[in-house]
Amino acid sequence: MPAADRADIASLDLEQLADALADLGQPSFRRGQLVAWLYGRLAPSFDAMSNLPGALRADLEERYSLVHPELAEVQRSADGTRKYLWRLADGVLIESVGIPAGDRLTVCYSTQAGCAMGCTFCATGRGGFVRDLLPGEMVWQVALVADDFKTRASNAVAMGQGEPFNNYDATLAALRLMNDKQGPAIGARHLTISTCGVIPGIERLAHEPEQFTLAVSLHSAVQATRDRIMPGVRRWQLDRLRATLIDYTQRTGRRPTLEFALIGGQNDTTAEVSALVNFARGWMCHVNLIPVNPVEGTGTGRPSDSRVAEVAALLTAAGIETSVRTERGTDIEAACGQLTQRHRPSAG
């Protein structure tokens, strides 16, 4: 079959991989072997999958393409964080980040190339939306970063470029591949989806059987402020978002995280903090305060350390579980809101 007519193996979820093998007359255990080669051992070709029958390898080669993301650039932070720029099979660029901590490795991966949400403090959306990623393109980011660190990924976070719930089916397919014991084998509770607050996605996730973790980028509990800094979610108002999240906790028994990027003079005021307390109090959630990261051209600045501590203390005093994120990789623009899909300018 001509290369252009072959399907991308990265487009198939677990069920579709099983169906594809069944169509080729293969027993069910072959799915585990194929997943292990694709996402566990990172086989560069079907021919390298040595415990598959030769005829099956030839059939897979005839029907499917297998092209790993190509490493275009890696940057290393003084704190051990690494940022990766990948070139996909069609030339599209995406980024992911590896964050080591002791014997643990967290990989922050992208679910889309670019982003359509337009958050004012975030660099990713400034280049616009390019395309959705395939499930395998997400899993390969995690597997390839882990391979570079020579360790397994203990956690993976859909918090890179893109809005995961605008690519819901592929994102859930990727999570299940990451969770599969033949693939990266990451526990469901160590797989986090971070959304801007796309309510239909939260509602769907509440009915999924796996215990994936949910994080919601809130950034303001004042409607006018949130509409201004997060224009992509204006259609989903805060009162409905809160009700949806409460329903999510009741259905799943799981505690979502409210991500709150503190922007000096914008959402760290007394009125803003009071609104955040009212939003988060009385139900099971965790607030993660993130002093906003510097992004050229946004005009946003982070509050003082003392103000961050004051906000955290006010939330804690109100009985709200609260933490302040220790940012990693800021010096290589690898922290939240800093991913841009660009090559780093050459020195000199």
C-alpha atoms as a PDB file:
ATOM      1  CA  MET A   1       0.000   0.000   0.000  1.00  0.00           C
ATOM      2  CA  PRO A   2       1.392   3.472  -0.836  1.00  0.00           C
ATOM      3  CA  ALA A   3       2.692   5.301   2.216  1.00  0.00           C
ATOM      4  CA  ALA A   4       0.098   8.045   1.805  1.00  0.00           C
ATOM      5  CA  ASP A   5      -2.723   5.488   2.041  1.00  0.00           C
ATOM      6  CA  ARG A   6      -1.525   3.866   5.256  1.00  0.00           C
ATOM      7  CA  ALA A   7      -3.213   4.757   8.533  1.00  0.00           C
ATOM      8  CA  ASP A   8      -1.068   6.159  11.358  1.00  0.00           C
ATOM      9  CA  ILE A   9      -0.724   3.508  14.072  1.00  0.00           C
ATOM     10  CA  ALA A  10      -0.663   6.386  16.592  1.00  0.00           C
ATOM     11  CA  SER A  11      -4.329   7.094  15.791  1.00  0.00           C
ATOM     12  CA  LEU A  12      -5.547   3.780  17.278  1.00  0.00           C
ATOM     13  CA  ASP A  13      -6.779   3.344  20.838  1.00  0.00           C
ATOM     14  CA  LEU A  14      -6.575   0.078  22.779  1.00  0.00           C
ATOM     15  CA  GLU A  15      -9.847  -1.275  21.384  1.00  0.00           C
ATOM     16  CA  GLN A  16      -8.942  -0.293  17.845  1.00  0.00           C
ATOM     17  CA  LEU A  17      -5.553  -1.990  18.149  1.00  0.00           C
ATOM     18  CA  ALA A  18      -7.337  -5.172  19.242  1.00  0.00           C
ATOM     19  CA  ASP A  19      -9.781  -4.897  16.339  1.00  0.00           C
ATOM     20  CA  ALA A  20      -6.965  -4.318  13.841  1.00  0.00           C
ATOM     21  CA  LEU A  21      -5.180  -7.442  15.020  1.00  0.00           C
ATOM     22  CA  ALA A  22      -8.397  -9.469  14.979  1.00  0.00           C
ATOM     23  CA  ASP A  23      -8.950  -8.365  11.364  1.00  0.00           C
ATOM     24  CA  LEU A  24      -5.533  -9.848  10.618  1.00  0.00           C
ATOM     25  CA  GLY A  25      -6.550 -13.148  12.199  1.00  0.00           C
ATOM     26  CA  GLN A  26      -4.412 -12.709  15.316  1.00  0.00           C
ATOM     27  CA  PRO A  27      -5.189 -13.959  18.841  1.00  0.00           C
ATOM     28  CA  SER A  28      -6.142 -11.432  21.532  1.00  0.00           C
ATOM     29  CA  PHE A  29      -2.801 -11.604  23.380  1.00  0.00           C
ATOM     30  CA  ARG A  30      -1.097  -9.927  20.426  1.00  0.00           C
ATOM     31  CA  ARG A  31      -2.561  -6.579  21.511  1.00  0.00           C
ATOM     32  CA  GLY A  32      -0.450  -6.554  24.665  1.00  0.00           C
ATOM     33  CA  GLN A  33       2.646  -7.419  22.647  1.00  0.00           C
ATOM     34  CA  LEU A  34       1.959  -4.633  20.160  1.00  0.00           C
ATOM     35  CA  VAL A  35       1.312  -2.051  22.897  1.00  0.00           C
ATOM     36  CA  ALA A  36       4.542  -3.096  24.601  1.00  0.00           C
ATOM     37  CA  TRP A  37       6.537  -2.596  21.406  1.00  0.00           C
ATOM     38  CA  LEU A  38       4.863   0.699  20.492  1.00  0.00           C
ATOM     39  CA  TYR A  39       4.792   2.462  23.857  1.00  0.00           C
ATOM     40  CA  GLY A  40       6.885   0.395  26.236  1.00  0.00           C
ATOM     41  CA  ARG A  41       9.959  -0.493  24.184  1.00  0.00           C
ATOM     42  CA  LEU A  42       9.615   2.291  21.598  1.00  0.00           C
ATOM     43  CA  ALA A  43      10.239   0.013  18.628  1.00  0.00           C
ATOM     44  CA  PRO A  44      11.395   2.141  15.669  1.00  0.00           C
ATOM     45  CA  SER A  45       9.620  -0.074  13.123  1.00  0.00           C
ATOM     46  CA  PHE A  46       7.241  -3.015  12.881  1.00  0.00           C
ATOM     47  CA  ASP A  47      10.101  -5.172  11.678  1.00  0.00           C
ATOM     48  CA  ALA A  48      11.883  -4.614  15.023  1.00  0.00           C
ATOM     49  CA  MET A  49       9.005  -6.286  16.918  1.00  0.00           C
ATOM     50  CA  SER A  50      10.846  -9.575  17.175  1.00  0.00           C
ATOM     51  CA  ASN A  51       8.258 -11.668  19.027  1.00  0.00           C
ATOM     52  CA  LEU A  52       5.553 -10.954  16.447  1.00  0.00           C
ATOM     53  CA  PRO A  53       5.257 -13.402  13.529  1.00  0.00           C
ATOM     54  CA  GLY A  54       6.998 -12.223  10.371  1.00  0.00           C
ATOM     55  CA  ALA A  55       3.735 -12.305   8.411  1.00  0.00           C
ATOM     56  CA  LEU A  56       2.046 -10.063  10.995  1.00  0.00           C
ATOM     57  CA  ARG A  57       4.916  -7.580  10.917  1.00  0.00           C
ATOM     58  CA  ALA A  58       4.624  -7.447   7.132  1.00  0.00           C
ATOM     59  CA  ASP A  59       0.844  -6.933   7.352  1.00  0.00           C
ATOM     60  CA  LEU A  60       1.258  -4.107   9.861  1.00  0.00           C
ATOM     61  CA  GLU A  61       3.890  -2.454   7.681  1.00  0.00           C
ATOM     62  CA  GLU A  62       1.544  -2.703   4.705  1.00  0.00           C
ATOM     63  CA  ARG A  63      -1.402  -1.105   6.522  1.00  0.00           C
ATOM     64  CA  TYR A  64       0.111   1.361   9.007  1.00  0.00           C
ATOM     65  CA  SER A  65       2.819   3.976   9.335  1.00  0.00           C
ATOM     66  CA  LEU A  66       4.952   4.179  12.490  1.00  0.00           C
ATOM     67  CA  VAL A  67       6.846   7.441  12.877  1.00  0.00           C
ATOM     68  CA  HIS A  68       8.038   8.589  16.292  1.00  0.00           C
ATOM     69  CA  PRO A  69       8.201  12.289  17.124  1.00  0.00           C
ATOM     70  CA  GLU A  70      11.647  13.547  16.131  1.00  0.00           C
ATOM     71  CA  LEU A  71      13.604  15.460  18.744  1.00  0.00           C
ATOM     72  CA  ALA A  72      14.225  18.930  17.335  1.00  0.00           C
ATOM     73  CA  GLU A  73      15.696  20.453  20.485  1.00  0.00           C
ATOM     74  CA  VAL A  74      16.144  19.816  24.193  1.00  0.00           C
ATOM     75  CA  GLN A  75      16.855  22.494  26.797  1.00  0.00           C
ATOM     76  CA  ARG A  76      18.123  21.730  30.289  1.00  0.00           C
ATOM     77  CA  SER A  77      17.303  23.826  33.326  1.00  0.00           C
ATOM     78  CA  ALA A  78      19.613  24.389  36.261  1.00  0.00           C
ATOM     79  CA  ASP A  79      17.030  22.581  38.425  1.00  0.00           C
ATOM     80  CA  GLY A  80      17.133  19.403  36.319  1.00  0.00           C
ATOM     81  CA  THR A  81      13.981  20.077  34.291  1.00  0.00           C
ATOM     82  CA  ARG A  82      14.224  19.384  30.564  1.00  0.00           C
ATOM     83  CA  LYS A  83      12.070  20.914  27.815  1.00  0.00           C
ATOM     84  CA  TYR A  84      11.669  19.036  24.547  1.00  0.00           C
ATOM     85  CA  LEU A  85      10.671  20.362  21.153  1.00  0.00           C
ATOM     86  CA  TRP A  86       9.332  17.541  18.963  1.00  0.00           C
ATOM     87  CA  ARG A  87       8.702  17.486  15.233  1.00  0.00           C
ATOM     88  CA  LEU A  88       5.802  15.230  14.309  1.00  0.00           C
ATOM     89  CA  ALA A  89       5.469  13.181  11.130  1.00  0.00           C
ATOM     90  CA  ASP A  90       3.735  16.049   9.301  1.00  0.00           C
ATOM     91  CA  GLY A  91       6.306  18.633  10.436  1.00  0.00           C
ATOM     92  CA  VAL A  92       4.146  20.136  13.204  1.00  0.00           C
ATOM     93  CA  LEU A  93       6.080  21.160  16.328  1.00  0.00           C
ATOM     94  CA  ILE A  94       4.980  20.464  19.904  1.00  0.00           C
ATOM     95  CA  GLU A  95       6.621  20.665  23.330  1.00  0.00           C
ATOM     96  CA  SER A  96       6.740  18.559  26.457  1.00  0.00           C
ATOM     97  CA  VAL A  97       8.597  18.830  29.758  1.00  0.00           C
ATOM     98  CA  GLY A  98      10.308  16.310  32.034  1.00  0.00           C
ATOM     99  CA  ILE A  99      10.427  17.234  35.736  1.00  0.00           C
ATOM    100  CA  PRO A 100      12.535  14.976  37.964  1.00  0.00           C
ATOM    101  CA  ALA A 101      12.128  14.879  41.750  1.00  0.00           C
ATOM    102  CA  GLY A 102      14.161  12.276  43.579  1.00  0.00           C
ATOM    103  CA  ASP A 103      13.233   8.904  42.132  1.00  0.00           C
ATOM    104  CA  ARG A 104      10.084  10.293  40.487  1.00  0.00           C
ATOM    105  CA  LEU A 105       9.634  11.747  37.019  1.00  0.00           C
ATOM    106  CA  THR A 106       6.649  13.824  35.961  1.00  0.00           C
ATOM    107  CA  VAL A 107       6.096  14.421  32.268  1.00  0.00           C
ATOM    108  CA  CYS A 108       4.003  17.373  31.157  1.00  0.00           C
ATOM    109  CA  TYR A 109       2.772  16.576  27.646  1.00  0.00           C
ATOM    110  CA  SER A 110       0.759  18.376  24.978  1.00  0.00           C
ATOM    111  CA  THR A 111      -2.664  17.273  23.734  1.00  0.00           C
ATOM    112  CA  GLN A 112      -2.835  19.763  20.856  1.00  0.00           C
ATOM    113  CA  ALA A 113      -0.352  21.674  18.755  1.00  0.00           C
ATOM    114  CA  GLY A 114      -1.017  25.253  19.791  1.00  0.00           C
ATOM    115  CA  CYS A 115      -4.150  26.266  21.650  1.00  0.00           C
ATOM    116  CA  ALA A 116      -7.388  28.068  20.840  1.00  0.00           C
ATOM    117  CA  MET A 117      -8.265  29.200  24.375  1.00  0.00           C
ATOM    118  CA  GLY A 118      -6.433  32.550  24.271  1.00  0.00           C
ATOM    119  CA  CYS A 119      -5.584  32.966  27.963  1.00  0.00           C
ATOM    120  CA  THR A 120      -3.883  36.351  28.238  1.00  0.00           C
ATOM    121  CA  PHE A 121      -1.038  35.258  30.532  1.00  0.00           C
ATOM    122  CA  CYS A 122      -0.109  32.147  28.511  1.00  0.00           C
ATOM    123  CA  ALA A 123       2.382  32.005  25.650  1.00  0.00           C
ATOM    124  CA  THR A 124       1.009  28.850  24.010  1.00  0.00           C
ATOM    125  CA  GLY A 125      -2.165  30.319  22.556  1.00  0.00           C
ATOM    126  CA  ARG A 126      -0.463  33.328  21.009  1.00  0.00           C
ATOM    127  CA  GLY A 127       0.532  31.229  17.997  1.00  0.00           C
ATOM    128  CA  GLY A 128      -3.023  29.964  17.555  1.00  0.00           C
ATOM    129  CA  PHE A 129      -4.366  26.448  17.211  1.00  0.00           C
ATOM    130  CA  VAL A 130      -2.678  24.115  14.712  1.00  0.00           C
ATOM    131  CA  ARG A 131      -4.233  20.662  15.156  1.00  0.00           C
ATOM    132  CA  ASP A 132      -5.297  17.970  17.603  1.00  0.00           C
ATOM    133  CA  LEU A 133      -2.750  15.334  18.544  1.00  0.00           C
ATOM    134  CA  LEU A 134      -3.299  11.609  18.069  1.00  0.00           C
ATOM    135  CA  PRO A 135      -3.362   9.325  21.127  1.00  0.00           C
ATOM    136  CA  GLY A 136       0.006   7.801  20.261  1.00  0.00           C
ATOM    137  CA  GLU A 137       1.572  11.223  19.745  1.00  0.00           C
ATOM    138  CA  MET A 138       0.700  12.006  23.369  1.00  0.00           C
ATOM    139  CA  VAL A 139       1.932   8.671  24.732  1.00  0.00           C
ATOM    140  CA  TRP A 140       5.177   8.886  22.775  1.00  0.00           C
ATOM    141  CA  GLN A 141       5.971  12.237  24.400  1.00  0.00           C
ATOM    142  CA  VAL A 142       5.791  10.587  27.820  1.00  0.00           C
ATOM    143  CA  ALA A 143       7.691   7.468  26.760  1.00  0.00           C
ATOM    144  CA  LEU A 144      10.431   9.357  24.918  1.00  0.00           C
ATOM    145  CA  VAL A 145      11.012  11.789  27.810  1.00  0.00           C
ATOM    146  CA  ALA A 146      11.232   8.869  30.228  1.00  0.00           C
ATOM    147  CA  ASP A 147      13.680   7.160  27.866  1.00  0.00           C
ATOM    148  CA  ASP A 148      15.851  10.285  27.807  1.00  0.00           C
ATOM    149  CA  PHE A 149      15.926  10.339  31.617  1.00  0.00           C
ATOM    150  CA  LYS A 150      16.638   6.584  31.668  1.00  0.00           C
ATOM    151  CA  THR A 151      13.805   5.991  34.128  1.00  0.00           C
ATOM    152  CA  ARG A 152      10.095   5.299  34.055  1.00  0.00           C
ATOM    153  CA  ALA A 153       7.593   8.134  34.238  1.00  0.00           C
ATOM    154  CA  SER A 154       5.780   8.032  37.573  1.00  0.00           C
ATOM    155  CA  ASN A 155       3.327  10.816  36.679  1.00  0.00           C
ATOM    156  CA  ALA A 156       2.016  12.360  33.474  1.00  0.00           C
ATOM    157  CA  VAL A 157       0.082  15.607  33.220  1.00  0.00           C
ATOM    158  CA  ALA A 158      -1.935  16.839  30.241  1.00  0.00           C
ATOM    159  CA  MET A 159      -0.830  20.380  31.005  1.00  0.00           C
ATOM    160  CA  GLY A 160       1.344  21.185  28.006  1.00  0.00           C
ATOM    161  CA  GLN A 161       0.026  22.848  24.880  1.00  0.00           C
ATOM    162  CA  GLY A 162      -3.678  22.664  24.153  1.00  0.00           C
ATOM    163  CA  GLU A 163      -7.005  22.134  25.895  1.00  0.00           C
ATOM    164  CA  PRO A 164      -7.365  18.379  26.558  1.00  0.00           C
ATOM    165  CA  PHE A 165     -11.160  18.410  26.574  1.00  0.00           C
ATOM    166  CA  ASN A 166     -11.238  19.989  23.115  1.00  0.00           C
ATOM    167  CA  ASN A 167      -9.553  16.731  22.055  1.00  0.00           C
ATOM    168  CA  TYR A 168     -11.415  14.543  24.521  1.00  0.00           C
ATOM    169  CA  ASP A 169     -11.545  11.152  22.807  1.00  0.00           C
ATOM    170  CA  ALA A 170      -7.871  11.148  21.824  1.00  0.00           C
ATOM    171  CA  THR A 171      -6.825  12.356  25.277  1.00  0.00           C
ATOM    172  CA  LEU A 172      -8.769   9.603  27.043  1.00  0.00           C
ATOM    173  CA  ALA A 173      -7.378   7.046  24.595  1.00  0.00           C
ATOM    174  CA  ALA A 174      -3.850   8.270  25.410  1.00  0.00           C
ATOM    175  CA  LEU A 175      -4.489   8.049  29.156  1.00  0.00           C
ATOM    176  CA  ARG A 176      -5.649   4.457  28.805  1.00  0.00           C
ATOM    177  CA  LEU A 177      -2.561   3.585  26.782  1.00  0.00           C
ATOM    178  CA  MET A 178      -0.357   5.233  29.429  1.00  0.00           C
ATOM    179  CA  ASN A 179      -2.195   3.293  32.129  1.00  0.00           C
ATOM    180  CA  ASP A 180      -1.907  -0.028  30.286  1.00  0.00           C
ATOM    181  CA  LYS A 181       0.461  -2.466  32.011  1.00  0.00           C
ATOM    182  CA  GLN A 182       2.174  -3.227  28.690  1.00  0.00           C
ATOM    183  CA  GLY A 183       2.800   0.460  27.972  1.00  0.00           C
ATOM    184  CA  PRO A 184       4.154   3.160  30.302  1.00  0.00           C
ATOM    185  CA  ALA A 185       2.082   1.538  33.111  1.00  0.00           C
ATOM    186  CA  ILE A 186       1.367   4.759  35.018  1.00  0.00           C
ATOM    187  CA  GLY A 187      -1.297   4.452  37.720  1.00  0.00           C
ATOM    188  CA  ALA A 188      -4.595   6.165  36.900  1.00  0.00           C
ATOM    189  CA  ARG A 189      -4.386   8.492  39.896  1.00  0.00           C
ATOM    190  CA  HIS A 190      -0.966   9.624  38.666  1.00  0.00           C
ATOM    191  CA  LEU A 191      -2.434  10.667  35.305  1.00  0.00           C
ATOM    192  CA  THR A 192      -3.792  14.215  35.455  1.00  0.00           C
ATOM    193  CA  ILE A 193      -5.949  16.111  32.978  1.00  0.00           C
ATOM    194  CA  SER A 194      -5.757  19.898  33.231  1.00  0.00           C
ATOM    195  CA  THR A 195      -8.643  21.801  31.638  1.00  0.00           C
ATOM    196  CA  CYS A 196      -9.528  25.479  31.392  1.00  0.00           C
ATOM    197  CA  GLY A 197     -12.982  24.496  32.618  1.00  0.00           C
ATOM    198  CA  VAL A 198     -14.622  22.960  29.542  1.00  0.00           C
ATOM    199  CA  ILE A 199     -17.761  21.780  31.301  1.00  0.00           C
ATOM    200  CA  PRO A 200     -18.901  19.085  28.837  1.00  0.00           C
ATOM    201  CA  GLY A 201     -15.508  17.416  29.246  1.00  0.00           C
ATOM    202  CA  ILE A 202     -15.728  17.488  33.045  1.00  0.00           C
ATOM    203  CA  GLU A 203     -19.212  15.984  32.844  1.00  0.00           C
ATOM    204  CA  ARG A 204     -17.964  13.182  30.585  1.00  0.00           C
ATOM    205  CA  LEU A 205     -14.952  12.483  32.789  1.00  0.00           C
ATOM    206  CA  ALA A 206     -17.229  12.072  35.811  1.00  0.00           C
ATOM    207  CA  HIS A 207     -18.718   8.997  34.112  1.00  0.00           C
ATOM    208  CA  GLU A 208     -15.434   7.348  33.083  1.00  0.00           C
ATOM    209  CA  PRO A 209     -14.509   4.197  35.039  1.00  0.00           C
ATOM    210  CA  GLU A 210     -10.857   5.084  35.639  1.00  0.00           C
ATOM    211  CA  GLN A 211      -9.663   7.206  38.560  1.00  0.00           C
ATOM    212  CA  PHE A 212      -7.829   9.803  36.496  1.00  0.00           C
ATOM    213  CA  THR A 213      -7.085  13.068  38.316  1.00  0.00           C
ATOM    214  CA  LEU A 214      -8.747  16.349  37.322  1.00  0.00           C
ATOM    215  CA  ALA A 215      -7.208  19.817  37.519  1.00  0.00           C
ATOM    216  CA  VAL A 216      -9.122  22.944  36.503  1.00  0.00           C
ATOM    217  CA  SER A 217      -7.461  26.223  35.578  1.00  0.00           C
ATOM    218  CA  LEU A 218      -9.655  28.697  37.445  1.00  0.00           C
ATOM    219  CA  HIS A 219      -7.421  31.802  37.709  1.00  0.00           C
ATOM    220  CA  SER A 220     -10.297  33.989  38.885  1.00  0.00           C
ATOM    221  CA  ALA A 221     -13.589  33.443  40.681  1.00  0.00           C
ATOM    222  CA  VAL A 222     -14.839  36.849  39.543  1.00  0.00           C
ATOM    223  CA  GLN A 223     -16.735  36.426  36.302  1.00  0.00           C
ATOM    224  CA  ALA A 224     -15.623  39.665  34.642  1.00  0.00           C
ATOM    225  CA  THR A 225     -11.962  39.017  35.454  1.00  0.00           C
ATOM    226  CA  ARG A 226     -12.109  35.402  34.281  1.00  0.00           C
ATOM    227  CA  ASP A 227     -13.835  36.419  31.042  1.00  0.00           C
ATOM    228  CA  ARG A 228     -11.058  38.911  30.383  1.00  0.00           C
ATOM    229  CA  ILE A 229      -8.062  36.693  31.113  1.00  0.00           C
ATOM    230  CA  MET A 230      -9.611  33.413  29.869  1.00  0.00           C
ATOM    231  CA  PRO A 231     -11.771  34.363  26.873  1.00  0.00           C
ATOM    232  CA  GLY A 232     -11.959  30.809  25.566  1.00  0.00           C
ATOM    233  CA  VAL A 233     -14.258  29.683  28.386  1.00  0.00           C
ATOM    234  CA  ARG A 234     -16.612  32.658  28.586  1.00  0.00           C
ATOM    235  CA  ARG A 235     -19.544  30.477  27.533  1.00  0.00           C
ATOM    236  CA  TRP A 236     -19.183  28.384  30.715  1.00  0.00           C
ATOM    237  CA  GLN A 237     -20.053  30.625  33.630  1.00  0.00           C
ATOM    238  CA  LEU A 238     -18.551  30.218  37.090  1.00  0.00           C
ATOM    239  CA  ASP A 239     -21.767  29.217  38.846  1.00  0.00           C
ATOM    240  CA  ARG A 240     -22.261  26.352  36.411  1.00  0.00           C
ATOM    241  CA  LEU A 241     -18.597  25.373  36.648  1.00  0.00           C
ATOM    242  CA  ARG A 242     -18.800  25.176  40.441  1.00  0.00           C
ATOM    243  CA  ALA A 243     -21.986  23.099  40.306  1.00  0.00           C
ATOM    244  CA  THR A 244     -20.396  20.765  37.739  1.00  0.00           C
ATOM    245  CA  LEU A 245     -17.314  20.289  39.891  1.00  0.00           C
ATOM    246  CA  ILE A 246     -19.376  19.563  42.993  1.00  0.00           C
ATOM    247  CA  ASP A 247     -21.325  16.967  41.010  1.00  0.00           C
ATOM    248  CA  TYR A 248     -18.008  15.514  39.793  1.00  0.00           C
ATOM    249  CA  THR A 249     -16.755  15.061  43.366  1.00  0.00           C
ATOM    250  CA  GLN A 250     -20.019  13.445  44.434  1.00  0.00           C
ATOM    251  CA  ARG A 251     -20.009  11.002  41.523  1.00  0.00           C
ATOM    252  CA  THR A 252     -16.338  10.064  41.679  1.00  0.00           C
ATOM    253  CA  GLY A 253     -15.267  10.651  45.280  1.00  0.00           C
ATOM    254  CA  ARG A 254     -12.180  12.378  43.867  1.00  0.00           C
ATOM    255  CA  ARG A 255     -10.828  15.797  44.805  1.00  0.00           C
ATOM    256  CA  PRO A 256     -10.143  18.110  41.841  1.00  0.00           C
ATOM    257  CA  THR A 257      -7.417  20.733  41.961  1.00  0.00           C
ATOM    258  CA  LEU A 258      -8.203  24.371  41.201  1.00  0.00           C
ATOM    259  CA  GLU A 259      -5.151  25.886  39.507  1.00  0.00           C
ATOM    260  CA  PHE A 260      -4.868  29.594  40.254  1.00  0.00           C
ATOM    261  CA  ALA A 261      -2.117  31.611  38.562  1.00  0.00           C
ATOM    262  CA  LEU A 262      -1.657  34.671  40.766  1.00  0.00           C
ATOM    263  CA  ILE A 263      -1.223  37.809  38.653  1.00  0.00           C
ATOM    264  CA  GLY A 264      -0.080  40.860  40.535  1.00  0.00           C
ATOM    265  CA  GLY A 265      -2.753  43.581  40.709  1.00  0.00           C
ATOM    266  CA  GLN A 266      -5.274  41.520  38.735  1.00  0.00           C
ATOM    267  CA  ASN A 267      -6.462  38.475  40.650  1.00  0.00           C
ATOM    268  CA  ASP A 268      -4.605  38.818  43.963  1.00  0.00           C
ATOM    269  CA  THR A 269      -6.719  41.661  45.338  1.00  0.00           C
ATOM    270  CA  THR A 270      -8.860  41.404  48.465  1.00  0.00           C
ATOM    271  CA  ALA A 271     -12.057  41.132  46.394  1.00  0.00           C
ATOM    272  CA  GLU A 272     -10.568  38.443  44.165  1.00  0.00           C
ATOM    273  CA  VAL A 273      -9.326  36.363  47.088  1.00  0.00           C
ATOM    274  CA  SER A 274     -12.704  36.676  48.818  1.00  0.00           C
ATOM    275  CA  ALA A 275     -14.431  35.417  45.650  1.00  0.00           C
ATOM    276  CA  LEU A 276     -11.986  32.496  45.471  1.00  0.00           C
ATOM    277  CA  VAL A 277     -12.750  31.573  49.078  1.00  0.00           C
ATOM    278  CA  ASN A 278     -16.483  31.632  48.334  1.00  0.00           C
ATOM    279  CA  PHE A 279     -15.986  29.489  45.212  1.00  0.00           C
ATOM    280  CA  ALA A 280     -13.817  26.846  46.896  1.00  0.00           C
ATOM    281  CA  ARG A 281     -15.350  26.644  50.352  1.00  0.00           C
ATOM    282  CA  GLY A 282     -17.867  23.964  51.284  1.00  0.00           C
ATOM    283  CA  TRP A 283     -16.909  21.168  48.888  1.00  0.00           C
ATOM    284  CA  MET A 284     -13.985  18.840  48.280  1.00  0.00           C
ATOM    285  CA  CYS A 285     -11.263  20.621  46.306  1.00  0.00           C
ATOM    286  CA  HIS A 286      -7.637  21.673  46.516  1.00  0.00           C
ATOM    287  CA  VAL A 287      -6.375  25.118  45.488  1.00  0.00           C
ATOM    288  CA  ASN A 288      -2.920  25.245  43.906  1.00  0.00           C
ATOM    289  CA  LEU A 289      -1.553  28.791  43.833  1.00  0.00           C
ATOM    290  CA  ILE A 290       0.903  29.463  41.001  1.00  0.00           C
ATOM    291  CA  PRO A 291       2.758  32.788  40.989  1.00  0.00           C
ATOM    292  CA  VAL A 292       2.404  33.689  37.312  1.00  0.00           C
ATOM    293  CA  ASN A 293       5.417  32.931  35.163  1.00  0.00           C
ATOM    294  CA  PRO A 294       7.041  35.657  33.045  1.00  0.00           C
ATOM    295  CA  VAL A 295       5.847  35.628  29.429  1.00  0.00           C
ATOM    296  CA  GLU A 296       7.174  38.286  27.079  1.00  0.00           C
ATOM    297  CA  GLY A 297       4.552  40.700  25.779  1.00  0.00           C
ATOM    298  CA  THR A 298       1.731  39.759  28.170  1.00  0.00           C
ATOM    299  CA  GLY A 299       2.196  42.641  30.584  1.00  0.00           C
ATOM    300  CA  THR A 300       1.546  40.353  33.539  1.00  0.00           C
ATOM    301  CA  GLY A 301       3.686  40.234  36.644  1.00  0.00           C
ATOM    302  CA  ARG A 302       3.767  37.983  39.657  1.00  0.00           C
ATOM    303  CA  PRO A 303       2.850  39.261  43.111  1.00  0.00           C
ATOM    304  CA  SER A 304       5.419  39.464  45.871  1.00  0.00           C
ATOM    305  CA  ASP A 305       6.276  36.353  47.827  1.00  0.00           C
ATOM    306  CA  SER A 306       4.685  37.927  50.884  1.00  0.00           C
ATOM    307  CA  ARG A 307       1.408  38.463  49.031  1.00  0.00           C
ATOM    308  CA  VAL A 308       1.410  34.867  47.787  1.00  0.00           C
ATOM    309  CA  ALA A 309       1.892  33.724  51.382  1.00  0.00           C
ATOM    310  CA  GLU A 310      -0.945  35.989  52.541  1.00  0.00           C
ATOM    311  CA  VAL A 311      -3.348  34.556  49.940  1.00  0.00           C
ATOM    312  CA  ALA A 312      -2.378  31.015  50.906  1.00  0.00           C
ATOM    313  CA  ALA A 313      -2.932  31.815  54.587  1.00  0.00           C
ATOM    314  CA  LEU A 314      -6.373  33.309  53.917  1.00  0.00           C
ATOM    315  CA  LEU A 315      -7.455  30.208  52.017  1.00  0.00           C
ATOM    316  CA  THR A 316      -6.118  27.872  54.673  1.00  0.00           C
ATOM    317  CA  ALA A 317      -7.851  29.871  57.409  1.00  0.00           C
ATOM    318  CA  ALA A 318     -11.113  29.400  55.493  1.00  0.00           C
ATOM    319  CA  GLY A 319     -10.644  25.638  55.680  1.00  0.00           C
ATOM    320  CA  ILE A 320      -9.583  25.227  52.035  1.00  0.00           C
ATOM    321  CA  GLU A 321      -6.778  22.789  51.274  1.00  0.00           C
ATOM    322  CA  THR A 322      -4.107  24.962  49.643  1.00  0.00           C
ATOM    323  CA  SER A 323      -0.581  24.669  48.275  1.00  0.00           C
ATOM    324  CA  VAL A 324       1.835  27.003  46.492  1.00  0.00           C
ATOM    325  CA  ARG A 325       3.513  25.469  43.466  1.00  0.00           C
ATOM    326  CA  THR A 326       7.280  25.443  43.346  1.00  0.00           C
ATOM    327  CA  GLU A 327       7.937  26.305  39.728  1.00  0.00           C
ATOM    328  CA  ARG A 328      10.440  24.299  37.754  1.00  0.00           C
ATOM    329  CA  GLY A 329      12.201  25.123  34.504  1.00  0.00           C
ATOM    330  CA  THR A 330      11.410  28.835  34.430  1.00  0.00           C
ATOM    331  CA  ASP A 331      14.917  29.620  33.182  1.00  0.00           C
ATOM    332  CA  ILE A 332      14.276  27.617  29.979  1.00  0.00           C
ATOM    333  CA  GLU A 333      10.633  28.753  29.603  1.00  0.00           C
ATOM    334  CA  ALA A 334       9.372  25.306  30.542  1.00  0.00           C
ATOM    335  CA  ALA A 335       7.006  26.323  33.360  1.00  0.00           C
ATOM    336  CA  CYS A 336       3.244  26.739  33.180  1.00  0.00           C
ATOM    337  CA  GLY A 337       2.148  29.106  30.433  1.00  0.00           C
ATOM    338  CA  GLN A 338       5.584  29.374  28.835  1.00  0.00           C
ATOM    339  CA  LEU A 339       5.446  26.713  26.092  1.00  0.00           C
ATOM    340  CA  THR A 340       5.628  28.246  22.619  1.00  0.00           C
ATOM    341  CA  GLN A 341       6.699  25.575  20.029  1.00  0.00           C
ATOM    342  CA  ARG A 342       9.682  27.726  19.083  1.00  0.00           C
ATOM    343  CA  HIS A 343      13.344  26.938  18.712  1.00  0.00           C
ATOM    344  CA  ARG A 344      15.536  28.678  21.231  1.00  0.00           C
ATOM    345  CA  PRO A 345      17.517  31.471  19.526  1.00  0.00           C
ATOM    346  CA  SER A 346      21.141  30.583  18.946  1.00  0.00           C
ATOM    347  CA  ALA A 347      23.713  32.356  21.091  1.00  0.00           C
ATOM    348  CA  GLY A 348      25.736  35.087  19.473  1.00  0.00           C
END
